[in-house]
């Protein structure tokens, strides 16, 4: 059995702790991952009793406080010292766990990671990465909202972190790294992108230059970099588009008798499409740049998303992604 332990903050999501416990148990059962469930012990025990956890390596670590979605990230970490998210990161710091998964306040999760584990030397700001489906496989996209105001050196660091993660976790042999802009031509962009582009030209990896928003989904770039203000808008727009497309398709099939017949014939294709665009398949967003492994889930994540986030966190810890990033920074 692997001894890379994942600490799951089971109190942070919209439906905590039920969904988090269900997803965590599913991950432990499917991939034999050792877990520490962090939260109100009595509530966690009640939820855990609803599932068959016999033979699974699952322990409970009590945390008396919860960081809410409306809490200030910095205040929550300083004032709620026994919050489930801070305690989860403390478990990694002590060596009792090797990775953290949380569906709670993303700002607080980033703040806790930075406050407890600190940053990797050479990285000024951690970034939230997310995975988008493309025509071939997957595109890693960062920053998805952690840093709304960035300097060129921050984007250069995001590019390096994304390249290392894509190569080691997404198993892309020579990831193509692009800088998000409003056109592919070098004359496009703004002051930030032009300065970043000039620096990335000398990068010791496969930097392919400016890419546009549509390129994220075409499968012609593996890592797309931007500041967190633009990144969060892109993320929310993509989520909204996927939900809207599925709703329109359901309405059209329901409105016409022949369409219903067509749906029955094409159901396997639509099931495959839904799986490709379902965020739950990708689990969570890796928090890159902290001196440890963290995975941020959507607050409304279902059990499947939590399960896959635990898998991704465990794999990142196993593959020692941070060690490889440090080696590249020092290389």
C-alpha atoms as a PDB file:
ATOM      1  CA  UNK A   1       0.000   0.000   0.000  1.00  0.00           C
ATOM      2  CA  UNK A   2       1.189   3.470  -0.853  1.00  0.00           C
ATOM      3  CA  UNK A   3       1.967   5.580   2.195  1.00  0.00           C
ATOM      4  CA  UNK A   4       1.281   8.907   0.500  1.00  0.00           C
ATOM      5  CA  UNK A   5      -1.532  10.167   2.692  1.00  0.00           C
ATOM      6  CA  UNK A   6      -4.122  12.716   1.545  1.00  0.00           C
ATOM      7  CA  UNK A   7      -5.734  15.030   4.105  1.00  0.00           C
ATOM      8  CA  UNK A   8      -9.274  15.950   3.028  1.00  0.00           C
ATOM      9  CA  UNK A   9     -10.922  19.087   4.403  1.00  0.00           C
ATOM     10  CA  UNK A  10     -14.439  17.663   4.661  1.00  0.00           C
ATOM     11  CA  UNK A  11     -16.070  20.832   6.039  1.00  0.00           C
ATOM     12  CA  UNK A  12     -15.502  23.320   3.235  1.00  0.00           C
ATOM     13  CA  UNK A  13     -17.940  22.517   0.430  1.00  0.00           C
ATOM     14  CA  UNK A  14     -21.532  23.590  -0.130  1.00  0.00           C
ATOM     15  CA  UNK A  15     -22.796  20.181   1.007  1.00  0.00           C
ATOM     16  CA  UNK A  16     -20.152  19.353   3.596  1.00  0.00           C
ATOM     17  CA  UNK A  17     -19.356  16.970   5.057  1.00  0.00           C
ATOM     18  CA  UNK A  18     -21.603  14.443   3.279  1.00  0.00           C
ATOM     19  CA  UNK A  19     -20.256  14.892  -0.254  1.00  0.00           C
ATOM     20  CA  UNK A  20     -16.620  15.107   0.812  1.00  0.00           C
ATOM     21  CA  UNK A  21     -16.833  11.944   2.912  1.00  0.00           C
ATOM     22  CA  UNK A  22     -18.614  10.049   0.140  1.00  0.00           C
ATOM     23  CA  UNK A  23     -16.043  11.072  -2.457  1.00  0.00           C
ATOM     24  CA  UNK A  24     -13.097  10.419  -0.160  1.00  0.00           C
ATOM     25  CA  UNK A  25     -14.315   6.926   0.703  1.00  0.00           C
ATOM     26  CA  UNK A  26     -14.795   6.171  -2.997  1.00  0.00           C
ATOM     27  CA  UNK A  27     -11.196   7.232  -3.718  1.00  0.00           C
ATOM     28  CA  UNK A  28      -9.836   5.156  -0.840  1.00  0.00           C
ATOM     29  CA  UNK A  29     -11.730   2.118  -2.032  1.00  0.00           C
ATOM     30  CA  UNK A  30     -10.912   2.476  -5.732  1.00  0.00           C
ATOM     31  CA  UNK A  31      -7.219   3.400  -5.518  1.00  0.00           C
ATOM     32  CA  UNK A  32      -6.266   2.228  -2.029  1.00  0.00           C
ATOM     33  CA  UNK A  33      -5.318   5.759  -0.954  1.00  0.00           C
ATOM     34  CA  UNK A  34      -4.705   6.398   2.766  1.00  0.00           C
ATOM     35  CA  UNK A  35      -6.817   9.319   4.013  1.00  0.00           C
ATOM     36  CA  UNK A  36      -7.194  11.667   6.950  1.00  0.00           C
ATOM     37  CA  UNK A  37     -10.641  13.260   7.100  1.00  0.00           C
ATOM     38  CA  UNK A  38     -10.333  16.672   8.761  1.00  0.00           C
ATOM     39  CA  UNK A  39     -13.351  18.316  10.374  1.00  0.00           C
ATOM     40  CA  UNK A  40     -15.875  18.081  13.184  1.00  0.00           C
ATOM     41  CA  UNK A  41     -15.205  14.551  14.441  1.00  0.00           C
ATOM     42  CA  UNK A  42     -18.774  13.760  15.475  1.00  0.00           C
ATOM     43  CA  UNK A  43     -20.245  14.874  12.149  1.00  0.00           C
ATOM     44  CA  UNK A  44     -17.545  13.087  10.176  1.00  0.00           C
ATOM     45  CA  UNK A  45     -18.104   9.845  12.108  1.00  0.00           C
ATOM     46  CA  UNK A  46     -21.831  10.066  11.400  1.00  0.00           C
ATOM     47  CA  UNK A  47     -21.233  10.463   7.662  1.00  0.00           C
ATOM     48  CA  UNK A  48     -18.527   7.822   7.549  1.00  0.00           C
ATOM     49  CA  UNK A  49     -20.889   5.301   9.168  1.00  0.00           C
ATOM     50  CA  UNK A  50     -23.148   5.614   6.111  1.00  0.00           C
ATOM     51  CA  UNK A  51     -20.494   4.045   3.898  1.00  0.00           C
ATOM     52  CA  UNK A  52     -18.679   0.739   3.831  1.00  0.00           C
ATOM     53  CA  UNK A  53     -15.200   1.790   4.924  1.00  0.00           C
ATOM     54  CA  UNK A  54     -14.170  -1.575   6.332  1.00  0.00           C
ATOM     55  CA  UNK A  55     -10.543  -2.356   5.500  1.00  0.00           C
ATOM     56  CA  UNK A  56      -9.829   1.149   4.223  1.00  0.00           C
ATOM     57  CA  UNK A  57      -6.997   3.235   5.656  1.00  0.00           C
ATOM     58  CA  UNK A  58      -9.114   6.176   6.830  1.00  0.00           C
ATOM     59  CA  UNK A  59      -8.638   8.161  10.032  1.00  0.00           C
ATOM     60  CA  UNK A  60     -10.419  11.238  11.399  1.00  0.00           C
ATOM     61  CA  UNK A  61      -8.659  14.342  12.706  1.00  0.00           C
ATOM     62  CA  UNK A  62     -10.839  16.750  14.648  1.00  0.00           C
ATOM     63  CA  UNK A  63     -10.959  20.442  13.732  1.00  0.00           C
ATOM     64  CA  UNK A  64     -13.369  22.648  15.647  1.00  0.00           C
ATOM     65  CA  UNK A  65     -13.697  25.563  13.191  1.00  0.00           C
ATOM     66  CA  UNK A  66     -14.814  26.069   9.587  1.00  0.00           C
ATOM     67  CA  UNK A  67     -13.847  28.787   7.121  1.00  0.00           C
ATOM     68  CA  UNK A  68     -16.968  30.013   5.354  1.00  0.00           C
ATOM     69  CA  UNK A  69     -17.203  31.149   1.736  1.00  0.00           C
ATOM     70  CA  UNK A  70     -17.760  34.752   2.874  1.00  0.00           C
ATOM     71  CA  UNK A  71     -14.824  34.818   5.297  1.00  0.00           C
ATOM     72  CA  UNK A  72     -11.825  36.973   4.452  1.00  0.00           C
ATOM     73  CA  UNK A  73      -9.050  34.575   3.466  1.00  0.00           C
ATOM     74  CA  UNK A  74      -6.297  36.227   5.509  1.00  0.00           C
ATOM     75  CA  UNK A  75      -8.508  36.826   8.555  1.00  0.00           C
ATOM     76  CA  UNK A  76      -9.798  33.265   8.472  1.00  0.00           C
ATOM     77  CA  UNK A  77      -6.325  31.783   8.529  1.00  0.00           C
ATOM     78  CA  UNK A  78      -5.073  34.048  11.313  1.00  0.00           C
ATOM     79  CA  UNK A  79      -8.155  33.967  13.524  1.00  0.00           C
ATOM     80  CA  UNK A  80      -9.502  30.460  12.911  1.00  0.00           C
ATOM     81  CA  UNK A  81      -6.413  28.551  13.909  1.00  0.00           C
ATOM     82  CA  UNK A  82      -8.349  25.287  14.302  1.00  0.00           C
ATOM     83  CA  UNK A  83     -10.192  25.515  10.998  1.00  0.00           C
ATOM     84  CA  UNK A  84     -10.369  22.328   8.970  1.00  0.00           C
ATOM     85  CA  UNK A  85      -8.449  23.829   6.039  1.00  0.00           C
ATOM     86  CA  UNK A  86      -5.585  25.148   8.158  1.00  0.00           C
ATOM     87  CA  UNK A  87      -5.391  21.912  10.160  1.00  0.00           C
ATOM     88  CA  UNK A  88      -5.219  19.904   6.919  1.00  0.00           C
ATOM     89  CA  UNK A  89      -2.166  21.868   5.790  1.00  0.00           C
ATOM     90  CA  UNK A  90      -0.639  21.573   9.262  1.00  0.00           C
ATOM     91  CA  UNK A  91      -0.854  17.788   8.845  1.00  0.00           C
ATOM     92  CA  UNK A  92       1.236  18.077   5.679  1.00  0.00           C
ATOM     93  CA  UNK A  93       3.738  20.325   7.443  1.00  0.00           C
ATOM     94  CA  UNK A  94       4.126  17.790  10.256  1.00  0.00           C
ATOM     95  CA  UNK A  95       4.580  14.907   7.816  1.00  0.00           C
ATOM     96  CA  UNK A  96       1.388  13.123   8.835  1.00  0.00           C
ATOM     97  CA  UNK A  97      -0.032  13.760   5.347  1.00  0.00           C
ATOM     98  CA  UNK A  98       1.453  14.522   1.944  1.00  0.00           C
ATOM     99  CA  UNK A  99      -1.334  16.381   0.148  1.00  0.00           C
ATOM    100  CA  UNK A 100      -4.495  18.400   0.869  1.00  0.00           C
ATOM    101  CA  UNK A 101      -7.875  18.424  -0.896  1.00  0.00           C
ATOM    102  CA  UNK A 102     -10.458  21.102  -0.101  1.00  0.00           C
ATOM    103  CA  UNK A 103     -13.754  22.240  -1.628  1.00  0.00           C
ATOM    104  CA  UNK A 104     -13.857  25.244   0.656  1.00  0.00           C
ATOM    105  CA  UNK A 105     -13.044  28.924   0.222  1.00  0.00           C
ATOM    106  CA  UNK A 106     -10.404  28.944  -2.540  1.00  0.00           C
ATOM    107  CA  UNK A 107      -8.793  32.160  -1.287  1.00  0.00           C
ATOM    108  CA  UNK A 108      -8.493  30.704   2.197  1.00  0.00           C
ATOM    109  CA  UNK A 109      -7.093  27.477   0.781  1.00  0.00           C
ATOM    110  CA  UNK A 110      -4.383  29.399  -1.057  1.00  0.00           C
ATOM    111  CA  UNK A 111      -3.721  31.548   2.008  1.00  0.00           C
ATOM    112  CA  UNK A 112      -3.472  28.493   4.259  1.00  0.00           C
ATOM    113  CA  UNK A 113      -1.071  26.793   1.873  1.00  0.00           C
ATOM    114  CA  UNK A 114       1.147  29.863   1.746  1.00  0.00           C
ATOM    115  CA  UNK A 115       0.945  30.586   5.481  1.00  0.00           C
ATOM    116  CA  UNK A 116       1.543  27.023   6.694  1.00  0.00           C
ATOM    117  CA  UNK A 117       3.739  25.472   3.986  1.00  0.00           C
ATOM    118  CA  UNK A 118       5.240  28.661   2.511  1.00  0.00           C
ATOM    119  CA  UNK A 119       6.165  29.087  -1.140  1.00  0.00           C
ATOM    120  CA  UNK A 120       8.653  27.077  -3.145  1.00  0.00           C
ATOM    121  CA  UNK A 121      11.930  29.039  -3.242  1.00  0.00           C
ATOM    122  CA  UNK A 122      12.013  30.958  -6.502  1.00  0.00           C
ATOM    123  CA  UNK A 123       8.225  31.252  -6.798  1.00  0.00           C
ATOM    124  CA  UNK A 124       6.758  34.631  -5.822  1.00  0.00           C
ATOM    125  CA  UNK A 125       3.072  33.704  -6.076  1.00  0.00           C
ATOM    126  CA  UNK A 126       1.285  30.359  -6.147  1.00  0.00           C
ATOM    127  CA  UNK A 127      -1.225  29.879  -8.960  1.00  0.00           C
ATOM    128  CA  UNK A 128      -4.468  27.974  -9.310  1.00  0.00           C
ATOM    129  CA  UNK A 129      -4.345  25.704 -12.344  1.00  0.00           C
ATOM    130  CA  UNK A 130      -7.340  24.059 -13.961  1.00  0.00           C
ATOM    131  CA  UNK A 131      -7.766  21.438 -16.648  1.00  0.00           C
ATOM    132  CA  UNK A 132      -9.907  22.000 -19.730  1.00  0.00           C
ATOM    133  CA  UNK A 133     -10.851  19.313 -22.252  1.00  0.00           C
ATOM    134  CA  UNK A 134      -9.628  19.923 -25.792  1.00  0.00           C
ATOM    135  CA  UNK A 135     -10.093  18.148 -29.128  1.00  0.00           C
ATOM    136  CA  UNK A 136      -7.242  15.732 -28.351  1.00  0.00           C
ATOM    137  CA  UNK A 137      -6.964  15.400 -24.565  1.00  0.00           C
ATOM    138  CA  UNK A 138      -6.398  18.147 -21.975  1.00  0.00           C
ATOM    139  CA  UNK A 139      -5.130  21.713 -21.640  1.00  0.00           C
ATOM    140  CA  UNK A 140      -3.672  23.012 -18.381  1.00  0.00           C
ATOM    141  CA  UNK A 141      -4.743  26.615 -17.746  1.00  0.00           C
ATOM    142  CA  UNK A 142      -3.312  29.002 -15.145  1.00  0.00           C
ATOM    143  CA  UNK A 143      -3.787  31.247 -13.260  1.00  0.00           C
ATOM    144  CA  UNK A 144      -7.504  30.545 -12.843  1.00  0.00           C
ATOM    145  CA  UNK A 145      -8.132  33.208 -10.218  1.00  0.00           C
ATOM    146  CA  UNK A 146      -5.504  33.261  -7.509  1.00  0.00           C
ATOM    147  CA  UNK A 147      -3.722  36.467  -8.566  1.00  0.00           C
ATOM    148  CA  UNK A 148      -5.730  39.225 -10.216  1.00  0.00           C
ATOM    149  CA  UNK A 149      -2.801  41.659 -10.449  1.00  0.00           C
ATOM    150  CA  UNK A 150       0.387  40.191 -11.876  1.00  0.00           C
ATOM    151  CA  UNK A 151       3.788  41.260 -13.118  1.00  0.00           C
ATOM    152  CA  UNK A 152       5.622  39.656 -16.006  1.00  0.00           C
ATOM    153  CA  UNK A 153       7.879  37.595 -13.756  1.00  0.00           C
ATOM    154  CA  UNK A 154       4.807  36.047 -12.120  1.00  0.00           C
ATOM    155  CA  UNK A 155       3.471  34.855 -15.479  1.00  0.00           C
ATOM    156  CA  UNK A 156       6.909  33.485 -16.347  1.00  0.00           C
ATOM    157  CA  UNK A 157       6.817  31.485 -13.121  1.00  0.00           C
ATOM    158  CA  UNK A 158       3.270  30.281 -13.893  1.00  0.00           C
ATOM    159  CA  UNK A 159       4.524  29.039 -17.249  1.00  0.00           C
ATOM    160  CA  UNK A 160       7.351  27.090 -15.639  1.00  0.00           C
ATOM    161  CA  UNK A 161       5.048  25.531 -13.030  1.00  0.00           C
ATOM    162  CA  UNK A 162       2.502  24.616 -15.692  1.00  0.00           C
ATOM    163  CA  UNK A 163       5.144  23.032 -17.900  1.00  0.00           C
ATOM    164  CA  UNK A 164       6.468  20.877 -15.065  1.00  0.00           C
ATOM    165  CA  UNK A 165       2.968  19.806 -13.998  1.00  0.00           C
ATOM    166  CA  UNK A 166       1.863  19.002 -17.559  1.00  0.00           C
ATOM    167  CA  UNK A 167       4.972  16.933 -18.187  1.00  0.00           C
ATOM    168  CA  UNK A 168       4.904  14.971 -14.944  1.00  0.00           C
ATOM    169  CA  UNK A 169       1.207  14.629 -14.069  1.00  0.00           C
ATOM    170  CA  UNK A 170      -0.561  14.952 -17.421  1.00  0.00           C
ATOM    171  CA  UNK A 171       2.232  12.900 -19.025  1.00  0.00           C
ATOM    172  CA  UNK A 172       2.887  15.254 -21.938  1.00  0.00           C
ATOM    173  CA  UNK A 173       6.374  14.540 -23.222  1.00  0.00           C
ATOM    174  CA  UNK A 174       7.180  18.078 -24.443  1.00  0.00           C
ATOM    175  CA  UNK A 175       4.343  20.382 -23.423  1.00  0.00           C
ATOM    176  CA  UNK A 176       3.601  23.332 -25.688  1.00  0.00           C
ATOM    177  CA  UNK A 177       3.319  26.478 -23.562  1.00  0.00           C
ATOM    178  CA  UNK A 178       1.363  29.485 -24.808  1.00  0.00           C
ATOM    179  CA  UNK A 179       0.654  32.979 -23.462  1.00  0.00           C
ATOM    180  CA  UNK A 180      -3.001  34.035 -23.690  1.00  0.00           C
ATOM    181  CA  UNK A 181      -3.481  37.205 -25.726  1.00  0.00           C
ATOM    182  CA  UNK A 182      -5.969  38.887 -28.054  1.00  0.00           C
ATOM    183  CA  UNK A 183      -4.153  37.694 -31.152  1.00  0.00           C
ATOM    184  CA  UNK A 184      -1.218  35.542 -32.254  1.00  0.00           C
ATOM    185  CA  UNK A 185       0.794  38.392 -33.753  1.00  0.00           C
ATOM    186  CA  UNK A 186       3.638  39.825 -31.674  1.00  0.00           C
ATOM    187  CA  UNK A 187       2.186  43.328 -32.013  1.00  0.00           C
ATOM    188  CA  UNK A 188      -0.956  42.250 -30.118  1.00  0.00           C
ATOM    189  CA  UNK A 189      -1.444  42.064 -26.355  1.00  0.00           C
ATOM    190  CA  UNK A 190      -0.950  44.662 -23.652  1.00  0.00           C
ATOM    191  CA  UNK A 191       2.060  45.818 -21.695  1.00  0.00           C
ATOM    192  CA  UNK A 192       1.948  42.780 -19.407  1.00  0.00           C
ATOM    193  CA  UNK A 193       1.727  40.183 -22.179  1.00  0.00           C
ATOM    194  CA  UNK A 194       4.368  41.864 -24.335  1.00  0.00           C
ATOM    195  CA  UNK A 195       6.847  42.017 -21.446  1.00  0.00           C
ATOM    196  CA  UNK A 196       6.082  38.409 -20.504  1.00  0.00           C
ATOM    197  CA  UNK A 197       6.410  37.278 -24.116  1.00  0.00           C
ATOM    198  CA  UNK A 198       9.858  38.848 -24.370  1.00  0.00           C
ATOM    199  CA  UNK A 199      10.995  36.951 -21.272  1.00  0.00           C
ATOM    200  CA  UNK A 200       9.470  33.626 -22.330  1.00  0.00           C
ATOM    201  CA  UNK A 201      11.271  33.672 -25.673  1.00  0.00           C
ATOM    202  CA  UNK A 202      14.386  32.535 -23.813  1.00  0.00           C
ATOM    203  CA  UNK A 203      12.583  29.834 -21.798  1.00  0.00           C
ATOM    204  CA  UNK A 204      14.359  26.435 -21.717  1.00  0.00           C
ATOM    205  CA  UNK A 205      11.176  24.622 -22.752  1.00  0.00           C
ATOM    206  CA  UNK A 206       8.701  24.585 -25.620  1.00  0.00           C
ATOM    207  CA  UNK A 207       7.228  28.094 -25.584  1.00  0.00           C
ATOM    208  CA  UNK A 208       5.136  28.611 -28.738  1.00  0.00           C
ATOM    209  CA  UNK A 209       4.189  32.280 -28.274  1.00  0.00           C
ATOM    210  CA  UNK A 210       0.814  33.999 -28.094  1.00  0.00           C
ATOM    211  CA  UNK A 211      -2.362  31.918 -28.222  1.00  0.00           C
ATOM    212  CA  UNK A 212      -5.987  33.039 -28.377  1.00  0.00           C
ATOM    213  CA  UNK A 213      -8.944  31.980 -26.244  1.00  0.00           C
ATOM    214  CA  UNK A 214     -10.233  29.543 -28.851  1.00  0.00           C
ATOM    215  CA  UNK A 215      -6.865  27.752 -28.896  1.00  0.00           C
ATOM    216  CA  UNK A 216      -7.431  26.503 -25.342  1.00  0.00           C
ATOM    217  CA  UNK A 217      -9.918  23.945 -26.680  1.00  0.00           C
ATOM    218  CA  UNK A 218      -8.366  23.097 -30.066  1.00  0.00           C
ATOM    219  CA  UNK A 219      -5.664  20.795 -28.761  1.00  0.00           C
ATOM    220  CA  UNK A 220      -2.764  22.762 -30.265  1.00  0.00           C
ATOM    221  CA  UNK A 221      -1.368  24.011 -26.945  1.00  0.00           C
ATOM    222  CA  UNK A 222      -0.834  22.092 -23.694  1.00  0.00           C
ATOM    223  CA  UNK A 223      -0.316  24.898 -21.138  1.00  0.00           C
ATOM    224  CA  UNK A 224      -1.986  28.320 -21.376  1.00  0.00           C
ATOM    225  CA  UNK A 225      -0.799  31.135 -19.092  1.00  0.00           C
ATOM    226  CA  UNK A 226      -2.499  34.396 -18.090  1.00  0.00           C
ATOM    227  CA  UNK A 227      -3.100  36.550 -15.020  1.00  0.00           C
ATOM    228  CA  UNK A 228      -5.801  35.471 -12.555  1.00  0.00           C
ATOM    229  CA  UNK A 229      -8.215  38.266 -13.474  1.00  0.00           C
ATOM    230  CA  UNK A 230      -8.446  37.147 -17.103  1.00  0.00           C
ATOM    231  CA  UNK A 231      -8.143  33.501 -16.088  1.00  0.00           C
ATOM    232  CA  UNK A 232     -11.111  33.504 -13.759  1.00  0.00           C
ATOM    233  CA  UNK A 233     -13.292  35.158 -16.407  1.00  0.00           C
ATOM    234  CA  UNK A 234     -12.265  32.496 -18.939  1.00  0.00           C
ATOM    235  CA  UNK A 235     -12.960  29.737 -16.412  1.00  0.00           C
ATOM    236  CA  UNK A 236     -16.431  30.998 -15.495  1.00  0.00           C
ATOM    237  CA  UNK A 237     -17.309  31.621 -19.154  1.00  0.00           C
ATOM    238  CA  UNK A 238     -16.266  28.083 -20.087  1.00  0.00           C
ATOM    239  CA  UNK A 239     -18.265  26.579 -17.210  1.00  0.00           C
ATOM    240  CA  UNK A 240     -21.304  28.624 -18.200  1.00  0.00           C
ATOM    241  CA  UNK A 241     -21.008  27.626 -21.857  1.00  0.00           C
ATOM    242  CA  UNK A 242     -20.775  23.916 -21.023  1.00  0.00           C
ATOM    243  CA  UNK A 243     -23.862  24.115 -18.765  1.00  0.00           C
ATOM    244  CA  UNK A 244     -25.784  26.128 -21.366  1.00  0.00           C
ATOM    245  CA  UNK A 245     -24.985  23.697 -24.180  1.00  0.00           C
ATOM    246  CA  UNK A 246     -26.183  20.739 -22.116  1.00  0.00           C
ATOM    247  CA  UNK A 247     -29.403  22.564 -21.181  1.00  0.00           C
ATOM    248  CA  UNK A 248     -30.110  23.531 -24.804  1.00  0.00           C
ATOM    249  CA  UNK A 249     -29.551  19.952 -25.968  1.00  0.00           C
ATOM    250  CA  UNK A 250     -31.909  18.559 -23.320  1.00  0.00           C
ATOM    251  CA  UNK A 251     -34.602  21.078 -24.258  1.00  0.00           C
ATOM    252  CA  UNK A 252     -34.308  20.332 -27.967  1.00  0.00           C
ATOM    253  CA  UNK A 253     -34.542  16.591 -27.429  1.00  0.00           C
ATOM    254  CA  UNK A 254     -37.573  17.009 -25.184  1.00  0.00           C
ATOM    255  CA  UNK A 255     -39.379  19.342 -27.588  1.00  0.00           C
ATOM    256  CA  UNK A 256     -39.608  17.100 -30.658  1.00  0.00           C
ATOM    257  CA  UNK A 257     -40.701  13.443 -30.898  1.00  0.00           C
ATOM    258  CA  UNK A 258     -38.204  12.672 -33.677  1.00  0.00           C
ATOM    259  CA  UNK A 259     -35.464  14.314 -31.654  1.00  0.00           C
ATOM    260  CA  UNK A 260     -36.205  11.919 -28.797  1.00  0.00           C
ATOM    261  CA  UNK A 261     -35.702   9.008 -31.181  1.00  0.00           C
ATOM    262  CA  UNK A 262     -32.474  10.588 -32.395  1.00  0.00           C
ATOM    263  CA  UNK A 263     -31.311  10.932 -28.817  1.00  0.00           C
ATOM    264  CA  UNK A 264     -31.888   7.233 -28.157  1.00  0.00           C
ATOM    265  CA  UNK A 265     -29.748   6.369 -31.173  1.00  0.00           C
ATOM    266  CA  UNK A 266     -27.038   8.866 -30.301  1.00  0.00           C
ATOM    267  CA  UNK A 267     -27.098   8.367 -26.531  1.00  0.00           C
ATOM    268  CA  UNK A 268     -23.626   6.769 -26.313  1.00  0.00           C
ATOM    269  CA  UNK A 269     -22.104   9.744 -28.160  1.00  0.00           C
ATOM    270  CA  UNK A 270     -23.845  12.251 -25.918  1.00  0.00           C
ATOM    271  CA  UNK A 271     -22.757  10.329 -22.832  1.00  0.00           C
ATOM    272  CA  UNK A 272     -19.170  10.506 -24.043  1.00  0.00           C
ATOM    273  CA  UNK A 273     -19.551  14.238 -24.720  1.00  0.00           C
ATOM    274  CA  UNK A 274     -20.933  14.863 -21.260  1.00  0.00           C
ATOM    275  CA  UNK A 275     -18.035  12.967 -19.725  1.00  0.00           C
ATOM    276  CA  UNK A 276     -15.510  15.076 -21.668  1.00  0.00           C
ATOM    277  CA  UNK A 277     -16.960  18.397 -20.464  1.00  0.00           C
ATOM    278  CA  UNK A 278     -17.854  17.326 -16.910  1.00  0.00           C
ATOM    279  CA  UNK A 279     -15.621  19.097 -14.376  1.00  0.00           C
ATOM    280  CA  UNK A 280     -16.058  16.130 -12.024  1.00  0.00           C
ATOM    281  CA  UNK A 281     -13.863  14.038 -14.326  1.00  0.00           C
ATOM    282  CA  UNK A 282     -10.921  16.351 -13.598  1.00  0.00           C
ATOM    283  CA  UNK A 283     -11.517  16.602  -9.858  1.00  0.00           C
ATOM    284  CA  UNK A 284      -9.964  19.828  -8.725  1.00  0.00           C
ATOM    285  CA  UNK A 285      -7.517  22.584  -9.543  1.00  0.00           C
ATOM    286  CA  UNK A 286      -3.923  22.035  -8.421  1.00  0.00           C
ATOM    287  CA  UNK A 287      -2.482  24.824  -6.287  1.00  0.00           C
ATOM    288  CA  UNK A 288       0.993  25.219  -7.748  1.00  0.00           C
ATOM    289  CA  UNK A 289       3.855  27.030  -6.058  1.00  0.00           C
ATOM    290  CA  UNK A 290       3.312  26.123  -2.410  1.00  0.00           C
ATOM    291  CA  UNK A 291       5.891  23.891  -0.760  1.00  0.00           C
ATOM    292  CA  UNK A 292       3.546  20.925  -0.726  1.00  0.00           C
ATOM    293  CA  UNK A 293       0.610  19.509  -2.652  1.00  0.00           C
ATOM    294  CA  UNK A 294      -2.822  21.135  -2.592  1.00  0.00           C
ATOM    295  CA  UNK A 295      -5.958  20.555  -4.666  1.00  0.00           C
ATOM    296  CA  UNK A 296      -8.840  23.049  -4.742  1.00  0.00           C
ATOM    297  CA  UNK A 297     -12.318  21.752  -5.642  1.00  0.00           C
ATOM    298  CA  UNK A 298     -15.364  23.728  -6.684  1.00  0.00           C
ATOM    299  CA  UNK A 299     -17.611  24.525  -3.700  1.00  0.00           C
ATOM    300  CA  UNK A 300     -20.489  22.690  -5.373  1.00  0.00           C
ATOM    301  CA  UNK A 301     -18.422  19.608  -6.205  1.00  0.00           C
ATOM    302  CA  UNK A 302     -20.176  16.259  -6.234  1.00  0.00           C
ATOM    303  CA  UNK A 303     -18.716  13.076  -4.786  1.00  0.00           C
ATOM    304  CA  UNK A 304     -17.175  12.084  -8.122  1.00  0.00           C
ATOM    305  CA  UNK A 305     -15.262  15.369  -8.301  1.00  0.00           C
ATOM    306  CA  UNK A 306     -13.933  14.910  -4.760  1.00  0.00           C
ATOM    307  CA  UNK A 307     -12.949  11.334  -5.565  1.00  0.00           C
ATOM    308  CA  UNK A 308     -10.946  12.430  -8.626  1.00  0.00           C
ATOM    309  CA  UNK A 309      -9.395  15.361  -6.744  1.00  0.00           C
ATOM    310  CA  UNK A 310      -8.093  12.922  -4.122  1.00  0.00           C
ATOM    311  CA  UNK A 311      -6.658  10.781  -6.914  1.00  0.00           C
ATOM    312  CA  UNK A 312      -4.929  13.773  -8.528  1.00  0.00           C
ATOM    313  CA  UNK A 313      -3.529  15.009  -5.212  1.00  0.00           C
ATOM    314  CA  UNK A 314      -2.204  11.554  -4.389  1.00  0.00           C
ATOM    315  CA  UNK A 315      -0.598  11.197  -7.809  1.00  0.00           C
ATOM    316  CA  UNK A 316       1.062  14.624  -7.568  1.00  0.00           C
ATOM    317  CA  UNK A 317       2.537  13.709  -4.193  1.00  0.00           C
ATOM    318  CA  UNK A 318       3.713  10.340  -5.484  1.00  0.00           C
ATOM    319  CA  UNK A 319       5.376  11.903  -8.525  1.00  0.00           C
ATOM    320  CA  UNK A 320       7.137  14.498  -6.345  1.00  0.00           C
ATOM    321  CA  UNK A 321       6.132  17.328  -8.665  1.00  0.00           C
ATOM    322  CA  UNK A 322       7.491  19.988  -6.300  1.00  0.00           C
ATOM    323  CA  UNK A 323      10.911  18.349  -6.186  1.00  0.00           C
ATOM    324  CA  UNK A 324      11.027  18.398  -9.993  1.00  0.00           C
ATOM    325  CA  UNK A 325       9.980  22.028 -10.068  1.00  0.00           C
ATOM    326  CA  UNK A 326      12.702  22.981  -7.590  1.00  0.00           C
ATOM    327  CA  UNK A 327      15.236  21.040  -9.657  1.00  0.00           C
ATOM    328  CA  UNK A 328      14.215  22.953 -12.791  1.00  0.00           C
ATOM    329  CA  UNK A 329      14.347  26.304 -10.964  1.00  0.00           C
ATOM    330  CA  UNK A 330      17.875  25.495  -9.825  1.00  0.00           C
ATOM    331  CA  UNK A 331      18.907  24.012 -13.157  1.00  0.00           C
END
